[in-house]
Amino acid sequence: VSAGSHSATPIIEVRGMRVARGDRSLPAVD
Protein backbone atom coordinates (compact mmCIF):
# COMPACT_ATOMS: atom_id res chain seq x y z
CA VAL A 1 0.00 0.00 0.00
CA SER A 2 1.38 3.38 -0.94
CA ALA A 3 2.22 5.73 1.88
CA GLY A 4 1.69 8.82 -0.19
CA SER A 5 -1.68 9.66 1.32
CA HIS A 6 -0.37 9.26 4.85
CA SER A 7 1.17 12.73 4.78
CA ALA A 8 -2.30 14.30 4.92
CA THR A 9 -3.22 16.15 8.12
CA PRO A 10 -4.73 13.59 10.51
CA ILE A 11 -8.31 14.12 11.59
CA ILE A 12 -7.63 12.14 14.77
CA GLU A 13 -4.20 11.53 16.24
CA VAL A 14 -3.10 9.94 19.50
CA ARG A 15 0.40 10.23 20.93
CA GLY A 16 1.61 8.02 23.72
CA MET A 17 -1.93 7.06 24.74
CA ARG A 18 -1.88 4.71 27.73
CA VAL A 19 -5.44 3.64 28.47
CA ALA A 20 -6.28 2.85 32.09
CA ARG A 21 -8.03 -0.47 32.51
CA GLY A 22 -8.90 -1.33 36.09
CA ASP A 23 -5.80 -1.08 38.24
CA ARG A 24 -3.38 -1.15 35.33
CA SER A 25 -2.59 0.73 32.13
CA LEU A 26 -2.07 -0.63 28.65
CA PRO A 27 1.16 0.04 26.72
CA ALA A 28 1.33 3.38 24.93
CA VAL A 29 -0.19 3.75 21.47
CA ASP A 30 0.61 6.11 18.60
ModelCIF file with pLDDT and N, C-alpha, C, O atoms, coordinates in Angstrom:
data_MODEL
#
_entry.id   MODEL 
#
_entity.id                         1 
_entity.type                       polymer 
_entity.pdbx_number_of_molecules   1 
#
_entity_poly.entity_id                      1 
_entity_poly.type                           'polypeptide(L)' 
_entity_poly.nstd_linkage                   no 
_entity_poly.nstd_monomer                   no 
_entity_poly.pdbx_seq_one_letter_code       VSAGSHSATPIIEVRGMRVARGDRSLPAVD 
_entity_poly.pdbx_seq_one_letter_code_can   VSAGSHSATPIIEVRGMRVARGDRSLPAVD 
_entity_poly.pdbx_strand_id                 A 
#
loop_
_entity_poly_seq.entity_id 
_entity_poly_seq.num 
_entity_poly_seq.mon_id 
_entity_poly_seq.hetero 
1 1  VAL n 
1 2  SER n 
1 3  ALA n 
1 4  GLY n 
1 5  SER n 
1 6  HIS n 
1 7  SER n 
1 8  ALA n 
1 9  THR n 
1 10 PRO n 
1 11 ILE n 
1 12 ILE n 
1 13 GLU n 
1 14 VAL n 
1 15 ARG n 
1 16 GLY n 
1 17 MET n 
1 18 ARG n 
1 19 VAL n 
1 20 ALA n 
1 21 ARG n 
1 22 GLY n 
1 23 ASP n 
1 24 ARG n 
1 25 SER n 
1 26 LEU n 
1 27 PRO n 
1 28 ALA n 
1 29 VAL n 
1 30 ASP n 
#
_struct_asym.id          A 
_struct_asym.entity_id   1 
#
loop_
_ma_qa_metric.id 
_ma_qa_metric.mode 
_ma_qa_metric.name 
_ma_qa_metric.software_group_id 
_ma_qa_metric.type 
1 global pLDDT . pLDDT 
2 local  pLDDT . pLDDT 
#
_ma_qa_metric_global.metric_id      1 
_ma_qa_metric_global.metric_value   73.83 
_ma_qa_metric_global.model_id       1 
_ma_qa_metric_global.ordinal_id     1 
#
loop_
_ma_qa_metric_local.label_asym_id 
_ma_qa_metric_local.label_comp_id 
_ma_qa_metric_local.label_seq_id 
_ma_qa_metric_local.metric_id 
_ma_qa_metric_local.metric_value 
_ma_qa_metric_local.model_id 
_ma_qa_metric_local.ordinal_id 
A VAL 1  2 40.00 1 1  
A SER 2  2 36.00 1 2  
A ALA 3  2 37.00 1 3  
A GLY 4  2 37.00 1 4  
A SER 5  2 41.00 1 5  
A HIS 6  2 45.00 1 6  
A SER 7  2 46.00 1 7  
A ALA 8  2 70.00 1 8  
A THR 9  2 82.00 1 9  
A PRO 10 2 91.00 1 10 
A ILE 11 2 94.00 1 11 
A ILE 12 2 93.00 1 12 
A GLU 13 2 93.00 1 13 
A VAL 14 2 91.00 1 14 
A ARG 15 2 91.00 1 15 
A GLY 16 2 89.00 1 16 
A MET 17 2 89.00 1 17 
A ARG 18 2 88.00 1 18 
A VAL 19 2 87.00 1 19 
A ALA 20 2 81.00 1 20 
A ARG 21 2 73.00 1 21 
A GLY 22 2 68.00 1 22 
A ASP 23 2 71.00 1 23 
A ARG 24 2 75.00 1 24 
A SER 25 2 80.00 1 25 
A LEU 26 2 83.00 1 26 
A PRO 27 2 84.00 1 27 
A ALA 28 2 85.00 1 28 
A VAL 29 2 87.00 1 29 
A ASP 30 2 88.00 1 30 
#
loop_
_atom_site.group_PDB 
_atom_site.id 
_atom_site.type_symbol 
_atom_site.label_atom_id 
_atom_site.label_alt_id 
_atom_site.label_comp_id 
_atom_site.label_asym_id 
_atom_site.label_entity_id 
_atom_site.label_seq_id 
_atom_site.pdbx_PDB_ins_code 
_atom_site.Cartn_x 
_atom_site.Cartn_y 
_atom_site.Cartn_z 
_atom_site.occupancy 
_atom_site.B_iso_or_equiv 
_atom_site.pdbx_formal_charge 
_atom_site.auth_seq_id 
_atom_site.auth_comp_id 
_atom_site.auth_asym_id 
_atom_site.auth_atom_id 
_atom_site.pdbx_PDB_model_num 
ATOM 1   N N  . VAL A 1 1  ? 0.853  -1.184 0.000  1.00 40.00 ? 1  VAL A N  1 
ATOM 2   C CA . VAL A 1 1  ? 0.000  0.000  0.000  1.00 40.00 ? 1  VAL A CA 1 
ATOM 3   C C  . VAL A 1 1  ? 0.886  1.231  0.000  1.00 40.00 ? 1  VAL A C  1 
ATOM 4   O O  . VAL A 1 1  ? 1.835  1.321  0.779  1.00 40.00 ? 1  VAL A O  1 
ATOM 5   N N  . SER A 1 2  ? 0.583  2.158  -0.856 1.00 36.00 ? 2  SER A N  1 
ATOM 6   C CA . SER A 1 2  ? 1.381  3.383  -0.945 1.00 36.00 ? 2  SER A CA 1 
ATOM 7   C C  . SER A 1 2  ? 1.183  4.226  0.287  1.00 36.00 ? 2  SER A C  1 
ATOM 8   O O  . SER A 1 2  ? 0.085  4.312  0.838  1.00 36.00 ? 2  SER A O  1 
ATOM 9   N N  . ALA A 1 3  ? 2.288  4.860  0.719  1.00 37.00 ? 3  ALA A N  1 
ATOM 10  C CA . ALA A 1 3  ? 2.216  5.729  1.885  1.00 37.00 ? 3  ALA A CA 1 
ATOM 11  C C  . ALA A 1 3  ? 2.060  7.176  1.499  1.00 37.00 ? 3  ALA A C  1 
ATOM 12  O O  . ALA A 1 3  ? 2.208  8.062  2.341  1.00 37.00 ? 3  ALA A O  1 
ATOM 13  N N  . GLY A 1 4  ? 1.762  7.435  0.241  1.00 37.00 ? 4  GLY A N  1 
ATOM 14  C CA . GLY A 1 4  ? 1.686  8.824  -0.190 1.00 37.00 ? 4  GLY A CA 1 
ATOM 15  C C  . GLY A 1 4  ? 0.586  9.596  0.476  1.00 37.00 ? 4  GLY A C  1 
ATOM 16  O O  . GLY A 1 4  ? 0.755  10.774 0.791  1.00 37.00 ? 4  GLY A O  1 
ATOM 17  N N  . SER A 1 5  ? -0.554 8.948  0.703  1.00 41.00 ? 5  SER A N  1 
ATOM 18  C CA . SER A 1 5  ? -1.680 9.656  1.315  1.00 41.00 ? 5  SER A CA 1 
ATOM 19  C C  . SER A 1 5  ? -1.506 9.845  2.798  1.00 41.00 ? 5  SER A C  1 
ATOM 20  O O  . SER A 1 5  ? -2.278 10.582 3.411  1.00 41.00 ? 5  SER A O  1 
ATOM 21  N N  . HIS A 1 6  ? -0.512 9.205  3.406  1.00 45.00 ? 6  HIS A N  1 
ATOM 22  C CA . HIS A 1 6  ? -0.367 9.259  4.853  1.00 45.00 ? 6  HIS A CA 1 
ATOM 23  C C  . HIS A 1 6  ? 0.155  10.595 5.320  1.00 45.00 ? 6  HIS A C  1 
ATOM 24  O O  . HIS A 1 6  ? 0.124  10.885 6.516  1.00 45.00 ? 6  HIS A O  1 
ATOM 25  N N  . SER A 1 7  ? 0.643  11.430 4.389  1.00 46.00 ? 7  SER A N  1 
ATOM 26  C CA . SER A 1 7  ? 1.167  12.733 4.782  1.00 46.00 ? 7  SER A CA 1 
ATOM 27  C C  . SER A 1 7  ? 0.068  13.754 5.020  1.00 46.00 ? 7  SER A C  1 
ATOM 28  O O  . SER A 1 7  ? 0.339  14.860 5.487  1.00 46.00 ? 7  SER A O  1 
ATOM 29  N N  . ALA A 1 8  ? -1.194 13.387 4.697  1.00 70.00 ? 8  ALA A N  1 
ATOM 30  C CA . ALA A 1 8  ? -2.304 14.303 4.922  1.00 70.00 ? 8  ALA A CA 1 
ATOM 31  C C  . ALA A 1 8  ? -2.455 14.598 6.414  1.00 70.00 ? 8  ALA A C  1 
ATOM 32  O O  . ALA A 1 8  ? -2.071 13.788 7.258  1.00 70.00 ? 8  ALA A O  1 
ATOM 33  N N  . THR A 1 9  ? -3.024 15.779 6.732  1.00 82.00 ? 9  THR A N  1 
ATOM 34  C CA . THR A 1 9  ? -3.217 16.153 8.124  1.00 82.00 ? 9  THR A CA 1 
ATOM 35  C C  . THR A 1 9  ? -4.196 15.190 8.786  1.00 82.00 ? 9  THR A C  1 
ATOM 36  O O  . THR A 1 9  ? -5.311 15.028 8.289  1.00 82.00 ? 9  THR A O  1 
ATOM 37  N N  . PRO A 1 10 ? -3.825 14.553 9.875  1.00 91.00 ? 10 PRO A N  1 
ATOM 38  C CA . PRO A 1 10 ? -4.734 13.593 10.513 1.00 91.00 ? 10 PRO A CA 1 
ATOM 39  C C  . PRO A 1 10 ? -5.976 14.290 11.065 1.00 91.00 ? 10 PRO A C  1 
ATOM 40  O O  . PRO A 1 10 ? -5.905 15.396 11.601 1.00 91.00 ? 10 PRO A O  1 
ATOM 41  N N  . ILE A 1 11 ? -7.103 13.619 10.921 1.00 94.00 ? 11 ILE A N  1 
ATOM 42  C CA . ILE A 1 11 ? -8.311 14.116 11.594 1.00 94.00 ? 11 ILE A CA 1 
ATOM 43  C C  . ILE A 1 11 ? -8.210 13.803 13.084 1.00 94.00 ? 11 ILE A C  1 
ATOM 44  O O  . ILE A 1 11 ? -8.471 14.654 13.935 1.00 94.00 ? 11 ILE A O  1 
ATOM 45  N N  . ILE A 1 12 ? -7.826 12.563 13.378 1.00 93.00 ? 12 ILE A N  1 
ATOM 46  C CA . ILE A 1 12 ? -7.634 12.138 14.770 1.00 93.00 ? 12 ILE A CA 1 
ATOM 47  C C  . ILE A 1 12 ? -6.219 11.592 14.905 1.00 93.00 ? 12 ILE A C  1 
ATOM 48  O O  . ILE A 1 12 ? -5.754 10.821 14.066 1.00 93.00 ? 12 ILE A O  1 
ATOM 49  N N  . GLU A 1 13 ? -5.543 12.004 15.973 1.00 93.00 ? 13 GLU A N  1 
ATOM 50  C CA . GLU A 1 13 ? -4.195 11.525 16.240 1.00 93.00 ? 13 GLU A CA 1 
ATOM 51  C C  . GLU A 1 13 ? -4.036 11.295 17.733 1.00 93.00 ? 13 GLU A C  1 
ATOM 52  O O  . GLU A 1 13 ? -4.472 12.116 18.540 1.00 93.00 ? 13 GLU A O  1 
ATOM 53  N N  . VAL A 1 14 ? -3.421 10.196 18.101 1.00 91.00 ? 14 VAL A N  1 
ATOM 54  C CA . VAL A 1 14 ? -3.100 9.939  19.505 1.00 91.00 ? 14 VAL A CA 1 
ATOM 55  C C  . VAL A 1 14 ? -1.595 9.751  19.623 1.00 91.00 ? 14 VAL A C  1 
ATOM 56  O O  . VAL A 1 14 ? -0.961 9.129  18.771 1.00 91.00 ? 14 VAL A O  1 
ATOM 57  N N  . ARG A 1 15 ? -1.038 10.302 20.695 1.00 91.00 ? 15 ARG A N  1 
ATOM 58  C CA . ARG A 1 15 ? 0.397  10.226 20.928 1.00 91.00 ? 15 ARG A CA 1 
ATOM 59  C C  . ARG A 1 15 ? 0.642  9.704  22.345 1.00 91.00 ? 15 ARG A C  1 
ATOM 60  O O  . ARG A 1 15 ? 0.246  10.325 23.331 1.00 91.00 ? 15 ARG A O  1 
ATOM 61  N N  . GLY A 1 16 ? 1.281  8.586  22.416 1.00 89.00 ? 16 GLY A N  1 
ATOM 62  C CA . GLY A 1 16 ? 1.610  8.020  23.719 1.00 89.00 ? 16 GLY A CA 1 
ATOM 63  C C  . GLY A 1 16 ? 0.405  7.730  24.581 1.00 89.00 ? 16 GLY A C  1 
ATOM 64  O O  . GLY A 1 16 ? 0.467  7.881  25.801 1.00 89.00 ? 16 GLY A O  1 
ATOM 65  N N  . MET A 1 17 ? -0.697 7.315  23.969 1.00 89.00 ? 17 MET A N  1 
ATOM 66  C CA . MET A 1 17 ? -1.927 7.056  24.741 1.00 89.00 ? 17 MET A CA 1 
ATOM 67  C C  . MET A 1 17 ? -1.783 5.754  25.535 1.00 89.00 ? 17 MET A C  1 
ATOM 68  O O  . MET A 1 17 ? -1.582 4.680  24.966 1.00 89.00 ? 17 MET A O  1 
ATOM 69  N N  . ARG A 1 18 ? -1.889 5.873  26.840 1.00 88.00 ? 18 ARG A N  1 
ATOM 70  C CA . ARG A 1 18 ? -1.881 4.706  27.728 1.00 88.00 ? 18 ARG A CA 1 
ATOM 71  C C  . ARG A 1 18 ? -3.244 4.660  28.414 1.00 88.00 ? 18 ARG A C  1 
ATOM 72  O O  . ARG A 1 18 ? -3.531 5.451  29.313 1.00 88.00 ? 18 ARG A O  1 
ATOM 73  N N  . VAL A 1 19 ? -4.067 3.730  27.977 1.00 87.00 ? 19 VAL A N  1 
ATOM 74  C CA . VAL A 1 19 ? -5.439 3.644  28.469 1.00 87.00 ? 19 VAL A CA 1 
ATOM 75  C C  . VAL A 1 19 ? -5.450 2.912  29.807 1.00 87.00 ? 19 VAL A C  1 
ATOM 76  O O  . VAL A 1 19 ? -4.853 1.844  29.946 1.00 87.00 ? 19 VAL A O  1 
ATOM 77  N N  . ALA A 1 20 ? -6.134 3.498  30.789 1.00 81.00 ? 20 ALA A N  1 
ATOM 78  C CA . ALA A 1 20 ? -6.278 2.853  32.094 1.00 81.00 ? 20 ALA A CA 1 
ATOM 79  C C  . ALA A 1 20 ? -7.368 1.797  32.014 1.00 81.00 ? 20 ALA A C  1 
ATOM 80  O O  . ALA A 1 20 ? -8.469 2.058  31.529 1.00 81.00 ? 20 ALA A O  1 
ATOM 81  N N  . ARG A 1 21 ? -7.048 0.608  32.494 1.00 73.00 ? 21 ARG A N  1 
ATOM 82  C CA . ARG A 1 21 ? -8.029 -0.473 32.512 1.00 73.00 ? 21 ARG A CA 1 
ATOM 83  C C  . ARG A 1 21 ? -7.952 -1.150 33.871 1.00 73.00 ? 21 ARG A C  1 
ATOM 84  O O  . ARG A 1 21 ? -7.048 -1.940 34.144 1.00 73.00 ? 21 ARG A O  1 
ATOM 85  N N  . GLY A 1 22 ? -8.927 -0.820 34.722 1.00 68.00 ? 22 GLY A N  1 
ATOM 86  C CA . GLY A 1 22 ? -8.903 -1.331 36.093 1.00 68.00 ? 22 GLY A CA 1 
ATOM 87  C C  . GLY A 1 22 ? -7.737 -0.723 36.851 1.00 68.00 ? 22 GLY A C  1 
ATOM 88  O O  . GLY A 1 22 ? -7.579 0.497  36.889 1.00 68.00 ? 22 GLY A O  1 
ATOM 89  N N  . ASP A 1 23 ? -6.923 -1.576 37.452 1.00 71.00 ? 23 ASP A N  1 
ATOM 90  C CA . ASP A 1 23 ? -5.800 -1.082 38.243 1.00 71.00 ? 23 ASP A CA 1 
ATOM 91  C C  . ASP A 1 23 ? -4.498 -1.104 37.450 1.00 71.00 ? 23 ASP A C  1 
ATOM 92  O O  . ASP A 1 23 ? -3.418 -1.060 38.040 1.00 71.00 ? 23 ASP A O  1 
ATOM 93  N N  . ARG A 1 24 ? -4.580 -1.170 36.140 1.00 75.00 ? 24 ARG A N  1 
ATOM 94  C CA . ARG A 1 24 ? -3.377 -1.153 35.326 1.00 75.00 ? 24 ARG A CA 1 
ATOM 95  C C  . ARG A 1 24 ? -3.597 -0.323 34.085 1.00 75.00 ? 24 ARG A C  1 
ATOM 96  O O  . ARG A 1 24 ? -4.728 0.048  33.772 1.00 75.00 ? 24 ARG A O  1 
ATOM 97  N N  . SER A 1 25 ? -2.516 -0.024 33.370 1.00 80.00 ? 25 SER A N  1 
ATOM 98  C CA . SER A 1 25 ? -2.591 0.735  32.132 1.00 80.00 ? 25 SER A CA 1 
ATOM 99  C C  . SER A 1 25 ? -2.001 -0.086 31.001 1.00 80.00 ? 25 SER A C  1 
ATOM 100 O O  . SER A 1 25 ? -1.057 -0.852 31.196 1.00 80.00 ? 25 SER A O  1 
ATOM 101 N N  . LEU A 1 26 ? -2.567 0.082  29.826 1.00 83.00 ? 26 LEU A N  1 
ATOM 102 C CA . LEU A 1 26 ? -2.066 -0.627 28.652 1.00 83.00 ? 26 LEU A CA 1 
ATOM 103 C C  . LEU A 1 26 ? -0.830 0.080  28.110 1.00 83.00 ? 26 LEU A C  1 
ATOM 104 O O  . LEU A 1 26 ? -0.631 1.261  28.396 1.00 83.00 ? 26 LEU A O  1 
ATOM 105 N N  . PRO A 1 27 ? 0.003  -0.608 27.337 1.00 84.00 ? 27 PRO A N  1 
ATOM 106 C CA . PRO A 1 27 ? 1.158  0.041  26.717 1.00 84.00 ? 27 PRO A CA 1 
ATOM 107 C C  . PRO A 1 27 ? 0.730  1.218  25.854 1.00 84.00 ? 27 PRO A C  1 
ATOM 108 O O  . PRO A 1 27 ? -0.401 1.270  25.371 1.00 84.00 ? 27 PRO A O  1 
ATOM 109 N N  . ALA A 1 28 ? 1.640  2.155  25.666 1.00 85.00 ? 28 ALA A N  1 
ATOM 110 C CA . ALA A 1 28 ? 1.332  3.378  24.926 1.00 85.00 ? 28 ALA A CA 1 
ATOM 111 C C  . ALA A 1 28 ? 1.057  3.080  23.461 1.00 85.00 ? 28 ALA A C  1 
ATOM 112 O O  . ALA A 1 28 ? 1.592  2.127  22.894 1.00 85.00 ? 28 ALA A O  1 
ATOM 113 N N  . VAL A 1 29 ? 0.216  3.909  22.859 1.00 87.00 ? 29 VAL A N  1 
ATOM 114 C CA . VAL A 1 29 ? -0.191 3.750  21.466 1.00 87.00 ? 29 VAL A CA 1 
ATOM 115 C C  . VAL A 1 29 ? 0.008  5.060  20.733 1.00 87.00 ? 29 VAL A C  1 
ATOM 116 O O  . VAL A 1 29 ? -0.343 6.124  21.244 1.00 87.00 ? 29 VAL A O  1 
ATOM 117 N N  . ASP A 1 30 ? 0.574  4.985  19.528 1.00 88.00 ? 30 ASP A N  1 
ATOM 118 C CA . ASP A 1 30 ? 0.613  6.110  18.596 1.00 88.00 ? 30 ASP A CA 1 
ATOM 119 C C  . ASP A 1 30 ? -0.273 5.749  17.418 1.00 88.00 ? 30 ASP A C  1 
ATOM 120 O O  . ASP A 1 30 ? -0.411 6.539  16.484 1.00 88.00 ? 30 ASP A O  1 
#
